[in-house]
Amino acid sequence: MATVPLHWTWARFDDLGVHALHEALVLRCRVFVVEQACAYQEVDEADTRAWHLLGRAAPGGPLLATLRVVDPDGKGAGPSIGRVVIAPQARGGGTGQALMREGLARCQTAWPGQDIRISAQAHLQRFYGALGFVAVSQAYVEDGIPHVDMLWRWPGAGR
């Protein structure tokens, strides 16, 4: 599938609107719970303290991609990107990279200098690595799926 430029919308949880929230949760459950056959608490309290990014091929069109950025915890841990999901019909054409680049750009603007965290499914480690994330943990199983903790660090951070 060729890359289609997406129209991005950022919103805090309270500003999403019920229809956009519903679309995001349906897509997340469709992929994470049904497609991946993983019964877990997909919708959680972190949704309420996060920015949500929605990607559509055209304004008002079907939701093709979404992620959330959970605010820094105030105790030294930077923002966390999670619930990264691409609709099946939009995979394979660079949509995932575009989605993550948009998420990284938001984090870099909103929280300059802070590391960006992600708990990545282990099989996607190379994908996230190509975006500048580095593994900072061994693989572990979360909800029946191998994951690895990864960080995106500011260039020249000297750690």
N, C-alpha and C. Protein backbone atom coordinates (compact mmCIF):
# COMPACT_ATOMS: atom_id res chain seq x y z
N MET A 1 0.85 -1.19 0.00
CA MET A 1 0.00 0.00 0.00
C MET A 1 0.88 1.24 0.00
N ALA A 2 0.60 2.20 -0.86
CA ALA A 2 1.36 3.44 -0.91
C ALA A 2 1.04 4.31 0.30
N THR A 3 2.03 5.08 0.70
CA THR A 3 1.84 5.98 1.82
C THR A 3 0.85 7.08 1.45
N VAL A 4 -0.15 7.25 2.27
CA VAL A 4 -1.13 8.32 2.08
C VAL A 4 -0.88 9.33 3.18
N PRO A 5 -0.67 10.61 2.84
CA PRO A 5 -0.48 11.60 3.90
C PRO A 5 -1.73 11.66 4.79
N LEU A 6 -1.51 11.59 6.08
CA LEU A 6 -2.64 11.61 6.99
C LEU A 6 -2.88 13.00 7.55
N HIS A 7 -4.12 13.24 7.91
CA HIS A 7 -4.50 14.45 8.62
C HIS A 7 -4.47 14.09 10.10
N TRP A 8 -3.66 14.82 10.86
CA TRP A 8 -3.45 14.50 12.27
C TRP A 8 -4.29 15.40 13.16
N THR A 9 -4.83 14.83 14.21
CA THR A 9 -5.56 15.58 15.22
C THR A 9 -5.03 15.15 16.58
N TRP A 10 -4.60 16.14 17.36
CA TRP A 10 -4.17 15.91 18.74
C TRP A 10 -5.27 16.42 19.66
N ALA A 11 -5.56 15.68 20.72
CA ALA A 11 -6.54 16.15 21.70
C ALA A 11 -6.26 15.49 23.05
N ARG A 12 -6.52 16.26 24.10
CA ARG A 12 -6.52 15.68 25.43
C ARG A 12 -7.77 14.82 25.54
N PHE A 13 -7.78 13.91 26.48
CA PHE A 13 -8.90 12.99 26.66
C PHE A 13 -10.23 13.73 26.73
N ASP A 14 -10.31 14.77 27.57
CA ASP A 14 -11.57 15.49 27.76
C ASP A 14 -12.02 16.24 26.51
N ASP A 15 -11.12 16.45 25.57
CA ASP A 15 -11.44 17.22 24.37
C ASP A 15 -11.64 16.36 23.12
N LEU A 16 -11.52 15.04 23.27
CA LEU A 16 -11.65 14.16 22.10
C LEU A 16 -13.05 14.17 21.50
N GLY A 17 -14.05 14.25 22.33
CA GLY A 17 -15.43 14.08 21.86
C GLY A 17 -15.76 12.60 21.87
N VAL A 18 -17.01 12.30 22.09
CA VAL A 18 -17.40 10.90 22.27
C VAL A 18 -17.20 10.07 21.01
N HIS A 19 -17.41 10.65 19.83
CA HIS A 19 -17.29 9.87 18.60
C HIS A 19 -15.83 9.54 18.30
N ALA A 20 -14.93 10.50 18.45
CA ALA A 20 -13.51 10.24 18.22
C ALA A 20 -12.96 9.27 19.26
N LEU A 21 -13.37 9.43 20.51
CA LEU A 21 -12.94 8.50 21.56
C LEU A 21 -13.43 7.09 21.22
N HIS A 22 -14.68 6.97 20.83
CA HIS A 22 -15.23 5.67 20.47
C HIS A 22 -14.44 5.03 19.32
N GLU A 23 -14.14 5.80 18.28
CA GLU A 23 -13.39 5.27 17.14
C GLU A 23 -12.01 4.77 17.57
N ALA A 24 -11.33 5.56 18.41
CA ALA A 24 -10.00 5.18 18.87
C ALA A 24 -10.06 3.89 19.68
N LEU A 25 -11.01 3.80 20.59
CA LEU A 25 -11.12 2.61 21.43
C LEU A 25 -11.53 1.38 20.62
N VAL A 26 -12.40 1.56 19.63
CA VAL A 26 -12.79 0.45 18.76
C VAL A 26 -11.57 -0.07 18.00
N LEU A 27 -10.76 0.84 17.42
CA LEU A 27 -9.58 0.42 16.66
C LEU A 27 -8.58 -0.29 17.59
N ARG A 28 -8.34 0.29 18.75
CA ARG A 28 -7.41 -0.33 19.69
C ARG A 28 -7.87 -1.73 20.09
N CYS A 29 -9.14 -1.88 20.43
CA CYS A 29 -9.65 -3.20 20.82
C CYS A 29 -9.65 -4.18 19.66
N ARG A 30 -9.97 -3.68 18.47
CA ARG A 30 -9.98 -4.53 17.27
C ARG A 30 -8.61 -5.17 17.06
N VAL A 31 -7.56 -4.37 17.25
CA VAL A 31 -6.20 -4.88 17.01
C VAL A 31 -5.63 -5.57 18.24
N PHE A 32 -5.62 -4.89 19.38
CA PHE A 32 -4.92 -5.42 20.55
C PHE A 32 -5.65 -6.57 21.23
N VAL A 33 -6.97 -6.55 21.24
CA VAL A 33 -7.72 -7.60 21.93
C VAL A 33 -8.16 -8.70 20.97
N VAL A 34 -8.78 -8.33 19.85
CA VAL A 34 -9.33 -9.33 18.93
C VAL A 34 -8.24 -9.90 18.02
N GLU A 35 -7.59 -9.06 17.23
CA GLU A 35 -6.59 -9.54 16.26
C GLU A 35 -5.43 -10.26 16.96
N GLN A 36 -4.95 -9.70 18.06
CA GLN A 36 -3.82 -10.30 18.77
C GLN A 36 -4.27 -11.33 19.80
N ALA A 37 -5.57 -11.56 19.89
CA ALA A 37 -6.13 -12.56 20.81
C ALA A 37 -5.55 -12.43 22.21
N CYS A 38 -5.66 -11.21 22.75
CA CYS A 38 -5.07 -10.91 24.04
C CYS A 38 -6.12 -10.25 24.93
N ALA A 39 -6.62 -11.01 25.88
CA ALA A 39 -7.61 -10.48 26.81
C ALA A 39 -6.90 -9.73 27.93
N TYR A 40 -7.05 -8.41 27.95
CA TYR A 40 -6.43 -7.59 29.00
C TYR A 40 -7.21 -6.30 29.11
N GLN A 41 -6.90 -5.49 30.12
CA GLN A 41 -7.58 -4.22 30.36
C GLN A 41 -7.03 -3.18 29.39
N GLU A 42 -7.51 -3.17 28.17
CA GLU A 42 -6.99 -2.28 27.13
C GLU A 42 -7.26 -0.80 27.45
N VAL A 43 -8.43 -0.48 27.89
CA VAL A 43 -8.77 0.89 28.27
C VAL A 43 -8.40 1.02 29.75
N ASP A 44 -7.58 2.01 30.05
CA ASP A 44 -7.13 2.16 31.44
C ASP A 44 -7.10 3.62 31.86
N GLU A 45 -6.73 3.86 33.11
CA GLU A 45 -6.74 5.21 33.66
C GLU A 45 -5.73 6.13 32.97
N ALA A 46 -4.70 5.56 32.35
CA ALA A 46 -3.71 6.40 31.66
C ALA A 46 -4.34 7.18 30.51
N ASP A 47 -5.42 6.66 29.93
CA ASP A 47 -6.10 7.39 28.85
C ASP A 47 -6.51 8.79 29.29
N THR A 48 -6.89 8.93 30.55
CA THR A 48 -7.43 10.21 31.03
C THR A 48 -6.35 11.25 31.26
N ARG A 49 -5.08 10.85 31.33
CA ARG A 49 -3.99 11.81 31.52
C ARG A 49 -3.02 11.78 30.34
N ALA A 50 -3.61 11.64 29.16
CA ALA A 50 -2.79 11.52 27.95
C ALA A 50 -3.29 12.44 26.84
N TRP A 51 -2.37 12.73 25.94
CA TRP A 51 -2.71 13.29 24.65
C TRP A 51 -3.02 12.13 23.72
N HIS A 52 -4.00 12.29 22.86
CA HIS A 52 -4.36 11.25 21.90
C HIS A 52 -4.18 11.81 20.50
N LEU A 53 -3.50 11.03 19.66
CA LEU A 53 -3.26 11.41 18.27
C LEU A 53 -4.11 10.52 17.37
N LEU A 54 -4.86 11.15 16.49
CA LEU A 54 -5.72 10.43 15.55
C LEU A 54 -5.28 10.78 14.13
N GLY A 55 -5.14 9.76 13.29
CA GLY A 55 -4.74 9.97 11.90
C GLY A 55 -5.79 9.46 10.94
N ARG A 56 -6.17 10.32 10.00
CA ARG A 56 -7.17 9.98 9.00
C ARG A 56 -6.66 10.41 7.63
N ALA A 57 -7.07 9.68 6.58
CA ALA A 57 -6.66 10.05 5.22
C ALA A 57 -7.28 11.38 4.80
N ALA A 58 -8.45 11.67 5.34
CA ALA A 58 -9.14 12.93 5.05
C ALA A 58 -9.91 13.34 6.30
N PRO A 59 -10.06 14.65 6.51
CA PRO A 59 -10.85 15.07 7.68
C PRO A 59 -12.23 14.41 7.66
N GLY A 60 -12.62 13.84 8.77
CA GLY A 60 -13.91 13.17 8.86
C GLY A 60 -13.92 11.76 8.32
N GLY A 61 -12.79 11.32 7.73
CA GLY A 61 -12.70 9.97 7.18
C GLY A 61 -12.48 8.95 8.27
N PRO A 62 -12.39 7.69 7.90
CA PRO A 62 -12.20 6.64 8.91
C PRO A 62 -10.85 6.78 9.61
N LEU A 63 -10.82 6.38 10.86
CA LEU A 63 -9.60 6.42 11.65
C LEU A 63 -8.67 5.31 11.17
N LEU A 64 -7.43 5.70 10.80
CA LEU A 64 -6.46 4.74 10.30
C LEU A 64 -5.31 4.48 11.26
N ALA A 65 -5.07 5.43 12.18
CA ALA A 65 -3.94 5.30 13.08
C ALA A 65 -4.19 6.11 14.34
N THR A 66 -3.69 5.59 15.46
CA THR A 66 -3.81 6.34 16.71
C THR A 66 -2.70 5.91 17.67
N LEU A 67 -2.37 6.80 18.56
CA LEU A 67 -1.49 6.51 19.68
C LEU A 67 -1.86 7.47 20.80
N ARG A 68 -1.27 7.19 21.97
CA ARG A 68 -1.46 8.12 23.08
C ARG A 68 -0.09 8.45 23.66
N VAL A 69 0.01 9.65 24.18
CA VAL A 69 1.22 10.09 24.88
C VAL A 69 0.81 10.42 26.31
N VAL A 70 1.29 9.59 27.24
CA VAL A 70 0.99 9.79 28.65
C VAL A 70 1.98 10.81 29.21
N ASP A 71 1.46 11.76 29.96
CA ASP A 71 2.29 12.82 30.54
C ASP A 71 3.41 12.26 31.40
N PRO A 72 4.52 13.00 31.52
CA PRO A 72 5.58 12.59 32.45
C PRO A 72 5.01 12.41 33.85
N ASP A 73 5.63 11.54 34.62
CA ASP A 73 5.09 11.22 35.94
C ASP A 73 5.45 12.23 37.02
N GLY A 74 6.29 13.21 36.71
CA GLY A 74 6.67 14.21 37.70
C GLY A 74 7.76 13.73 38.64
N LYS A 75 8.21 12.49 38.49
CA LYS A 75 9.24 11.92 39.35
C LYS A 75 10.49 11.57 38.55
N GLY A 76 10.65 12.21 37.43
CA GLY A 76 11.83 11.97 36.62
C GLY A 76 11.60 11.17 35.36
N ALA A 77 10.52 10.43 35.28
CA ALA A 77 10.23 9.67 34.06
C ALA A 77 9.53 10.58 33.05
N GLY A 78 10.05 10.61 31.84
CA GLY A 78 9.49 11.46 30.81
C GLY A 78 8.19 10.93 30.26
N PRO A 79 7.74 11.53 29.17
CA PRO A 79 6.49 11.08 28.57
C PRO A 79 6.61 9.67 28.01
N SER A 80 5.48 9.02 27.87
CA SER A 80 5.44 7.64 27.39
C SER A 80 4.48 7.55 26.21
N ILE A 81 4.98 7.01 25.11
CA ILE A 81 4.13 6.76 23.94
C ILE A 81 3.62 5.33 24.04
N GLY A 82 2.34 5.16 23.83
CA GLY A 82 1.77 3.82 23.89
C GLY A 82 0.50 3.70 23.07
N ARG A 83 -0.07 2.50 23.10
CA ARG A 83 -1.29 2.17 22.36
C ARG A 83 -1.15 2.61 20.90
N VAL A 84 0.03 2.32 20.33
CA VAL A 84 0.34 2.64 18.94
C VAL A 84 -0.35 1.60 18.07
N VAL A 85 -1.25 2.05 17.21
CA VAL A 85 -2.02 1.10 16.42
C VAL A 85 -2.34 1.66 15.03
N ILE A 86 -2.23 0.77 14.05
CA ILE A 86 -2.54 1.09 12.66
C ILE A 86 -3.66 0.15 12.22
N ALA A 87 -4.68 0.70 11.57
CA ALA A 87 -5.76 -0.13 11.04
C ALA A 87 -5.18 -1.10 10.01
N PRO A 88 -5.68 -2.32 9.95
CA PRO A 88 -5.13 -3.31 9.01
C PRO A 88 -5.02 -2.81 7.57
N GLN A 89 -5.99 -2.06 7.11
CA GLN A 89 -5.97 -1.59 5.71
C GLN A 89 -4.94 -0.50 5.46
N ALA A 90 -4.32 0.04 6.51
CA ALA A 90 -3.35 1.12 6.35
C ALA A 90 -1.91 0.66 6.64
N ARG A 91 -1.70 -0.63 6.82
CA ARG A 91 -0.37 -1.15 7.16
C ARG A 91 0.48 -1.36 5.91
N GLY A 92 1.79 -1.27 6.13
CA GLY A 92 2.73 -1.62 5.08
C GLY A 92 3.13 -0.49 4.16
N GLY A 93 2.67 0.71 4.42
CA GLY A 93 3.01 1.82 3.54
C GLY A 93 3.66 2.99 4.24
N GLY A 94 4.16 2.78 5.44
CA GLY A 94 4.83 3.86 6.16
C GLY A 94 3.95 4.61 7.15
N THR A 95 2.71 4.18 7.31
CA THR A 95 1.80 4.85 8.24
C THR A 95 2.32 4.77 9.67
N GLY A 96 2.89 3.64 10.05
CA GLY A 96 3.41 3.48 11.40
C GLY A 96 4.55 4.46 11.68
N GLN A 97 5.45 4.61 10.72
CA GLN A 97 6.55 5.56 10.89
C GLN A 97 6.02 6.99 10.98
N ALA A 98 5.06 7.32 10.12
CA ALA A 98 4.49 8.67 10.15
C ALA A 98 3.82 8.94 11.49
N LEU A 99 3.07 7.96 11.99
CA LEU A 99 2.40 8.10 13.28
C LEU A 99 3.42 8.33 14.39
N MET A 100 4.46 7.52 14.43
CA MET A 100 5.46 7.66 15.47
C MET A 100 6.24 8.97 15.36
N ARG A 101 6.54 9.39 14.15
CA ARG A 101 7.24 10.67 13.99
C ARG A 101 6.39 11.83 14.52
N GLU A 102 5.11 11.77 14.27
CA GLU A 102 4.20 12.80 14.79
C GLU A 102 4.18 12.76 16.32
N GLY A 103 4.14 11.55 16.89
CA GLY A 103 4.17 11.41 18.35
C GLY A 103 5.47 11.91 18.94
N LEU A 104 6.59 11.58 18.32
CA LEU A 104 7.89 12.07 18.80
C LEU A 104 7.98 13.58 18.73
N ALA A 105 7.49 14.15 17.64
CA ALA A 105 7.54 15.61 17.48
C ALA A 105 6.75 16.30 18.59
N ARG A 106 5.58 15.76 18.94
CA ARG A 106 4.77 16.35 20.01
C ARG A 106 5.54 16.29 21.33
N CYS A 107 6.13 15.14 21.63
CA CYS A 107 6.88 14.98 22.88
C CYS A 107 8.07 15.94 22.93
N GLN A 108 8.77 16.08 21.82
CA GLN A 108 9.94 16.95 21.78
C GLN A 108 9.55 18.41 21.99
N THR A 109 8.39 18.79 21.49
CA THR A 109 7.91 20.16 21.66
C THR A 109 7.37 20.40 23.06
N ALA A 110 6.58 19.47 23.55
CA ALA A 110 5.92 19.64 24.85
C ALA A 110 6.86 19.44 26.03
N TRP A 111 7.82 18.52 25.88
CA TRP A 111 8.71 18.19 26.99
C TRP A 111 10.16 18.15 26.51
N PRO A 112 10.70 19.30 26.08
CA PRO A 112 12.06 19.30 25.53
C PRO A 112 13.07 18.79 26.55
N GLY A 113 14.00 17.98 26.05
CA GLY A 113 15.06 17.45 26.88
C GLY A 113 14.71 16.20 27.65
N GLN A 114 13.45 15.79 27.67
CA GLN A 114 13.06 14.61 28.43
C GLN A 114 13.07 13.36 27.54
N ASP A 115 13.60 12.27 28.09
CA ASP A 115 13.57 10.99 27.38
C ASP A 115 12.13 10.59 27.14
N ILE A 116 11.91 9.85 26.07
CA ILE A 116 10.58 9.37 25.71
C ILE A 116 10.58 7.86 25.85
N ARG A 117 9.65 7.35 26.60
CA ARG A 117 9.58 5.92 26.91
C ARG A 117 8.55 5.21 26.03
N ILE A 118 8.80 3.92 25.82
CA ILE A 118 7.82 3.08 25.15
C ILE A 118 8.03 1.65 25.64
N SER A 119 6.93 0.94 25.84
CA SER A 119 6.98 -0.50 26.11
C SER A 119 6.59 -1.15 24.80
N ALA A 120 7.59 -1.63 24.06
CA ALA A 120 7.36 -2.12 22.70
C ALA A 120 7.16 -3.62 22.68
N GLN A 121 6.27 -4.08 21.82
CA GLN A 121 6.21 -5.51 21.57
C GLN A 121 7.57 -5.89 20.99
N ALA A 122 8.16 -6.96 21.52
CA ALA A 122 9.54 -7.31 21.20
C ALA A 122 9.77 -7.47 19.70
N HIS A 123 8.80 -7.99 18.97
CA HIS A 123 9.00 -8.19 17.53
C HIS A 123 9.07 -6.87 16.76
N LEU A 124 8.73 -5.75 17.41
CA LEU A 124 8.79 -4.43 16.77
C LEU A 124 10.02 -3.63 17.20
N GLN A 125 10.95 -4.28 17.87
CA GLN A 125 12.14 -3.58 18.38
C GLN A 125 12.93 -2.93 17.24
N ARG A 126 13.08 -3.60 16.11
CA ARG A 126 13.81 -3.02 14.98
C ARG A 126 13.08 -1.80 14.42
N PHE A 127 11.75 -1.88 14.33
CA PHE A 127 10.95 -0.75 13.85
C PHE A 127 11.19 0.49 14.71
N TYR A 128 11.07 0.33 16.04
CA TYR A 128 11.28 1.45 16.95
C TYR A 128 12.74 1.88 16.98
N GLY A 129 13.66 0.93 16.83
CA GLY A 129 15.08 1.26 16.77
C GLY A 129 15.39 2.18 15.60
N ALA A 130 14.74 1.97 14.47
CA ALA A 130 14.96 2.81 13.29
C ALA A 130 14.50 4.25 13.53
N LEU A 131 13.64 4.45 14.54
CA LEU A 131 13.16 5.78 14.89
C LEU A 131 14.01 6.42 15.99
N GLY A 132 15.05 5.71 16.45
CA GLY A 132 15.95 6.26 17.45
C GLY A 132 15.77 5.72 18.85
N PHE A 133 14.86 4.77 19.05
CA PHE A 133 14.67 4.17 20.37
C PHE A 133 15.74 3.11 20.59
N VAL A 134 16.18 2.98 21.84
CA VAL A 134 17.13 1.93 22.21
C VAL A 134 16.52 1.10 23.34
N ALA A 135 16.77 -0.19 23.28
CA ALA A 135 16.27 -1.09 24.32
C ALA A 135 16.99 -0.81 25.63
N VAL A 136 16.23 -0.77 26.73
CA VAL A 136 16.81 -0.54 28.05
C VAL A 136 16.40 -1.64 29.03
N SER A 137 15.84 -2.72 28.50
CA SER A 137 15.49 -3.86 29.35
C SER A 137 15.64 -5.13 28.53
N GLN A 138 15.64 -6.22 29.24
CA GLN A 138 15.54 -7.52 28.59
C GLN A 138 14.07 -7.73 28.21
N ALA A 139 13.81 -8.66 27.34
CA ALA A 139 12.43 -8.98 26.98
C ALA A 139 11.70 -9.53 28.21
N TYR A 140 10.44 -9.16 28.33
CA TYR A 140 9.57 -9.66 29.40
C TYR A 140 8.19 -9.88 28.80
N VAL A 141 7.39 -10.68 29.46
CA VAL A 141 6.06 -10.98 28.95
C VAL A 141 5.04 -10.11 29.68
N GLU A 142 4.26 -9.40 28.89
CA GLU A 142 3.17 -8.57 29.42
C GLU A 142 1.90 -8.96 28.67
N ASP A 143 0.89 -9.38 29.41
CA ASP A 143 -0.38 -9.79 28.81
C ASP A 143 -0.19 -10.87 27.76
N GLY A 144 0.78 -11.76 28.00
CA GLY A 144 1.00 -12.89 27.11
C GLY A 144 1.82 -12.58 25.88
N ILE A 145 2.34 -11.35 25.76
CA ILE A 145 3.11 -10.95 24.58
C ILE A 145 4.48 -10.45 25.03
N PRO A 146 5.58 -10.93 24.41
CA PRO A 146 6.91 -10.43 24.76
C PRO A 146 7.04 -8.93 24.44
N HIS A 147 7.57 -8.19 25.41
CA HIS A 147 7.79 -6.75 25.29
C HIS A 147 9.22 -6.42 25.68
N VAL A 148 9.64 -5.22 25.34
CA VAL A 148 10.93 -4.68 25.77
C VAL A 148 10.75 -3.19 26.02
N ASP A 149 11.33 -2.68 27.11
CA ASP A 149 11.30 -1.24 27.38
C ASP A 149 12.34 -0.56 26.51
N MET A 150 11.94 0.57 25.92
CA MET A 150 12.83 1.31 25.04
C MET A 150 12.77 2.80 25.39
N LEU A 151 13.85 3.52 25.10
CA LEU A 151 13.93 4.97 25.33
C LEU A 151 14.39 5.67 24.07
N TRP A 152 13.83 6.85 23.85
CA TRP A 152 14.35 7.78 22.85
C TRP A 152 15.02 8.88 23.66
N ARG A 153 16.30 9.06 23.42
CA ARG A 153 17.06 10.06 24.18
C ARG A 153 17.44 11.20 23.27
N TRP A 154 17.47 12.40 23.84
CA TRP A 154 17.86 13.59 23.08
C TRP A 154 19.29 13.44 22.59
N PRO A 155 19.53 13.78 21.34
CA PRO A 155 20.90 13.72 20.83
C PRO A 155 21.83 14.58 21.69
N GLY A 156 22.99 14.01 22.00
CA GLY A 156 23.96 14.74 22.80
C GLY A 156 23.65 14.77 24.28
N ALA A 157 22.70 13.94 24.73
CA ALA A 157 22.32 13.94 26.15
C ALA A 157 23.45 13.40 27.02
N GLY A 158 24.41 12.67 26.43
CA GLY A 158 25.60 12.23 27.15
C GLY A 158 25.35 11.29 28.31
N ARG A 159 24.51 10.28 28.12
CA ARG A 159 24.29 9.33 29.20
C ARG A 159 24.90 8.02 28.90
